[in-house]
C-alpha atoms as a PDB file:
ATOM      1  CA  UNK A   1      89.465  48.698-181.776  1.00  0.00           C
ATOM      2  CA  UNK A   2      87.106  48.130-184.730  1.00  0.00           C
ATOM      3  CA  UNK A   3      85.467  51.525-184.384  1.00  0.00           C
ATOM      4  CA  UNK A   4      88.869  53.168-183.954  1.00  0.00           C
ATOM      5  CA  UNK A   5      89.923  51.728-187.307  1.00  0.00           C
ATOM      6  CA  UNK A   6      86.783  53.113-188.947  1.00  0.00           C
ATOM      7  CA  UNK A   7      87.404  56.497-187.310  1.00  0.00           C
ATOM      8  CA  UNK A   8      90.945  56.552-188.700  1.00  0.00           C
ATOM      9  CA  UNK A   9      89.631  55.839-192.209  1.00  0.00           C
ATOM     10  CA  UNK A  10      87.032  58.587-191.871  1.00  0.00           C
ATOM     11  CA  UNK A  11      89.439  61.154-190.405  1.00  0.00           C
ATOM     12  CA  UNK A  12      91.916  60.445-193.203  1.00  0.00           C
ATOM     13  CA  UNK A  13      89.206  61.115-195.789  1.00  0.00           C
ATOM     14  CA  UNK A  14      89.297  57.537-197.068  1.00  0.00           C
ATOM     15  CA  UNK A  15      85.618  56.919-196.253  1.00  0.00           C
ATOM     16  CA  UNK A  16      82.709  59.315-195.851  1.00  0.00           C
ATOM     17  CA  UNK A  17      80.859  60.051-192.621  1.00  0.00           C
ATOM     18  CA  UNK A  18      77.860  58.183-194.069  1.00  0.00           C
ATOM     19  CA  UNK A  19      79.912  55.029-194.670  1.00  0.00           C
ATOM     20  CA  UNK A  20      81.550  55.307-191.240  1.00  0.00           C
ATOM     21  CA  UNK A  21      78.129  55.590-189.603  1.00  0.00           C
ATOM     22  CA  UNK A  22      76.906  52.519-191.522  1.00  0.00           C
ATOM     23  CA  UNK A  23      79.884  50.380-190.525  1.00  0.00           C
ATOM     24  CA  UNK A  24      79.755  51.520-186.901  1.00  0.00           C
ATOM     25  CA  UNK A  25      76.055  50.641-186.793  1.00  0.00           C
ATOM     26  CA  UNK A  26      76.869  47.175-188.144  1.00  0.00           C
ATOM     27  CA  UNK A  27      79.584  46.755-185.493  1.00  0.00           C
ATOM     28  CA  UNK A  28      77.197  47.785-182.699  1.00  0.00           C
ATOM     29  CA  UNK A  29      74.126  45.893-183.839  1.00  0.00           C
ATOM     30  CA  UNK A  30      75.219  42.880-185.844  1.00  0.00           C
ATOM     31  CA  UNK A  31      78.766  41.832-184.981  1.00  0.00           C
ATOM     32  CA  UNK A  32      78.696  41.723-181.170  1.00  0.00           C
ATOM     33  CA  UNK A  33      78.457  37.922-181.148  1.00  0.00           C
ATOM     34  CA  UNK A  34      81.756  37.677-183.045  1.00  0.00           C
ATOM     35  CA  UNK A  35      83.960  39.896-180.880  1.00  0.00           C
ATOM     36  CA  UNK A  36      86.137  36.899-179.989  1.00  0.00           C
ATOM     37  CA  UNK A  37      87.217  36.768-183.660  1.00  0.00           C
ATOM     38  CA  UNK A  38      88.885  40.155-183.734  1.00  0.00           C
ATOM     39  CA  UNK A  39      91.285  39.589-186.640  1.00  0.00           C
ATOM     40  CA  UNK A  40      88.479  38.312-188.881  1.00  0.00           C
ATOM     41  CA  UNK A  41      86.273  41.226-187.811  1.00  0.00           C
ATOM     42  CA  UNK A  42      89.048  43.693-188.606  1.00  0.00           C
ATOM     43  CA  UNK A  43      89.346  42.325-192.137  1.00  0.00           C
ATOM     44  CA  UNK A  44      85.573  42.241-192.601  1.00  0.00           C
ATOM     45  CA  UNK A  45      84.812  45.720-191.279  1.00  0.00           C
ATOM     46  CA  UNK A  46      87.674  47.280-193.233  1.00  0.00           C
ATOM     47  CA  UNK A  47      86.517  45.538-196.413  1.00  0.00           C
ATOM     48  CA  UNK A  48      82.908  46.559-195.730  1.00  0.00           C
ATOM     49  CA  UNK A  49      83.912  50.199-195.274  1.00  0.00           C
ATOM     50  CA  UNK A  50      86.141  50.333-198.339  1.00  0.00           C
ATOM     51  CA  UNK A  51      83.623  48.461-200.499  1.00  0.00           C
ATOM     52  CA  UNK A  52      80.759  50.715-199.423  1.00  0.00           C
ATOM     53  CA  UNK A  53      82.864  53.781-200.182  1.00  0.00           C
ATOM     54  CA  UNK A  54      83.793  52.460-203.641  1.00  0.00           C
ATOM     55  CA  UNK A  55      80.194  51.584-204.460  1.00  0.00           C
ATOM     56  CA  UNK A  56      78.701  54.826-203.118  1.00  0.00           C
ATOM     57  CA  UNK A  57      81.159  56.843-205.215  1.00  0.00           C
ATOM     58  CA  UNK A  58      80.664  54.767-208.370  1.00  0.00           C
ATOM     59  CA  UNK A  59      84.150  53.267-208.470  1.00  0.00           C
ATOM     60  CA  UNK A  60      85.002  49.916-210.013  1.00  0.00           C
ATOM     61  CA  UNK A  61      84.102  46.856-207.980  1.00  0.00           C
ATOM     62  CA  UNK A  62      86.257  43.750-207.639  1.00  0.00           C
ATOM     63  CA  UNK A  63      85.095  40.205-208.312  1.00  0.00           C
ATOM     64  CA  UNK A  64      85.928  37.091-206.353  1.00  0.00           C
ATOM     65  CA  UNK A  65      87.782  34.260-208.084  1.00  0.00           C
ATOM     66  CA  UNK A  66      85.288  31.578-209.125  1.00  0.00           C
ATOM     67  CA  UNK A  67      87.164  28.742-207.400  1.00  0.00           C
ATOM     68  CA  UNK A  68      87.130  30.658-204.104  1.00  0.00           C
ATOM     69  CA  UNK A  69      83.442  31.459-204.579  1.00  0.00           C
ATOM     70  CA  UNK A  70      82.714  27.741-205.009  1.00  0.00           C
ATOM     71  CA  UNK A  71      84.367  27.102-201.629  1.00  0.00           C
ATOM     72  CA  UNK A  72      82.271  29.855-200.053  1.00  0.00           C
ATOM     73  CA  UNK A  73      79.027  28.459-201.464  1.00  0.00           C
ATOM     74  CA  UNK A  74      79.869  25.024-200.083  1.00  0.00           C
ATOM     75  CA  UNK A  75      80.953  26.223-196.637  1.00  0.00           C
ATOM     76  CA  UNK A  76      78.951  25.275-193.567  1.00  0.00           C
ATOM     77  CA  UNK A  77      78.198  28.887-192.650  1.00  0.00           C
ATOM     78  CA  UNK A  78      76.809  30.071-195.985  1.00  0.00           C
ATOM     79  CA  UNK A  79      73.138  30.151-194.938  1.00  0.00           C
ATOM     80  CA  UNK A  80      73.856  32.096-191.746  1.00  0.00           C
ATOM     81  CA  UNK A  81      76.180  34.396-193.684  1.00  0.00           C
ATOM     82  CA  UNK A  82      73.473  35.103-196.273  1.00  0.00           C
ATOM     83  CA  UNK A  83      70.970  36.011-193.542  1.00  0.00           C
ATOM     84  CA  UNK A  84      73.446  38.363-191.879  1.00  0.00           C
ATOM     85  CA  UNK A  85      74.349  39.875-195.263  1.00  0.00           C
ATOM     86  CA  UNK A  86      70.675  40.708-195.897  1.00  0.00           C
ATOM     87  CA  UNK A  87      70.455  42.362-192.472  1.00  0.00           C
ATOM     88  CA  UNK A  88      73.538  44.450-193.229  1.00  0.00           C
ATOM     89  CA  UNK A  89      72.224  45.496-196.628  1.00  0.00           C
ATOM     90  CA  UNK A  90      69.047  46.877-195.051  1.00  0.00           C
ATOM     91  CA  UNK A  91      71.305  49.430-193.324  1.00  0.00           C
ATOM     92  CA  UNK A  92      73.644  50.100-196.241  1.00  0.00           C
ATOM     93  CA  UNK A  93      73.762  53.546-197.848  1.00  0.00           C
ATOM     94  CA  UNK A  94      74.269  51.900-201.257  1.00  0.00           C
ATOM     95  CA  UNK A  95      73.342  48.735-203.158  1.00  0.00           C
ATOM     96  CA  UNK A  96      76.142  46.188-203.310  1.00  0.00           C
ATOM     97  CA  UNK A  97      76.625  44.451-206.682  1.00  0.00           C
ATOM     98  CA  UNK A  98      77.067  40.693-206.909  1.00  0.00           C
ATOM     99  CA  UNK A  99      80.872  40.864-207.000  1.00  0.00           C
ATOM    100  CA  UNK A 100      81.107  42.688-203.667  1.00  0.00           C
ATOM    101  CA  UNK A 101      78.344  40.549-202.208  1.00  0.00           C
ATOM    102  CA  UNK A 102      80.520  37.507-202.812  1.00  0.00           C
ATOM    103  CA  UNK A 103      83.519  39.078-201.050  1.00  0.00           C
ATOM    104  CA  UNK A 104      81.387  40.004-198.057  1.00  0.00           C
ATOM    105  CA  UNK A 105      79.839  36.543-197.902  1.00  0.00           C
ATOM    106  CA  UNK A 106      83.331  35.039-197.896  1.00  0.00           C
ATOM    107  CA  UNK A 107      84.268  37.166-194.872  1.00  0.00           C
ATOM    108  CA  UNK A 108      80.971  36.413-193.136  1.00  0.00           C
ATOM    109  CA  UNK A 109      81.400  32.667-193.680  1.00  0.00           C
ATOM    110  CA  UNK A 110      84.776  32.951-191.942  1.00  0.00           C
ATOM    111  CA  UNK A 111      82.985  34.374-188.904  1.00  0.00           C
ATOM    112  CA  UNK A 112      80.768  31.302-188.740  1.00  0.00           C
ATOM    113  CA  UNK A 113      83.662  28.810-188.907  1.00  0.00           C
END
């Protein structure tokens, strides 16, 4: 289902083939352990794809509300989320700015809850 969603975004011209390949690689290599959390994975992979597309095309990047970020930083899964984030960024076709990093870490922390 996750890869189907990415395929739909690519076929509709919403994301590039490069971004689709990146997200599909992440699904195959890094998210297998979380397949029981499908709704969270759907949100995360969609956000990852859309964020990567925005960043790779130089579009404006969102920022996470500071109060929400404080909750993320204090969550029990933050250290695991940061490690997984670094792994994902090694595969990324673009460099994620701090604002997007925070959004992705929020989603990743939800996977570790």
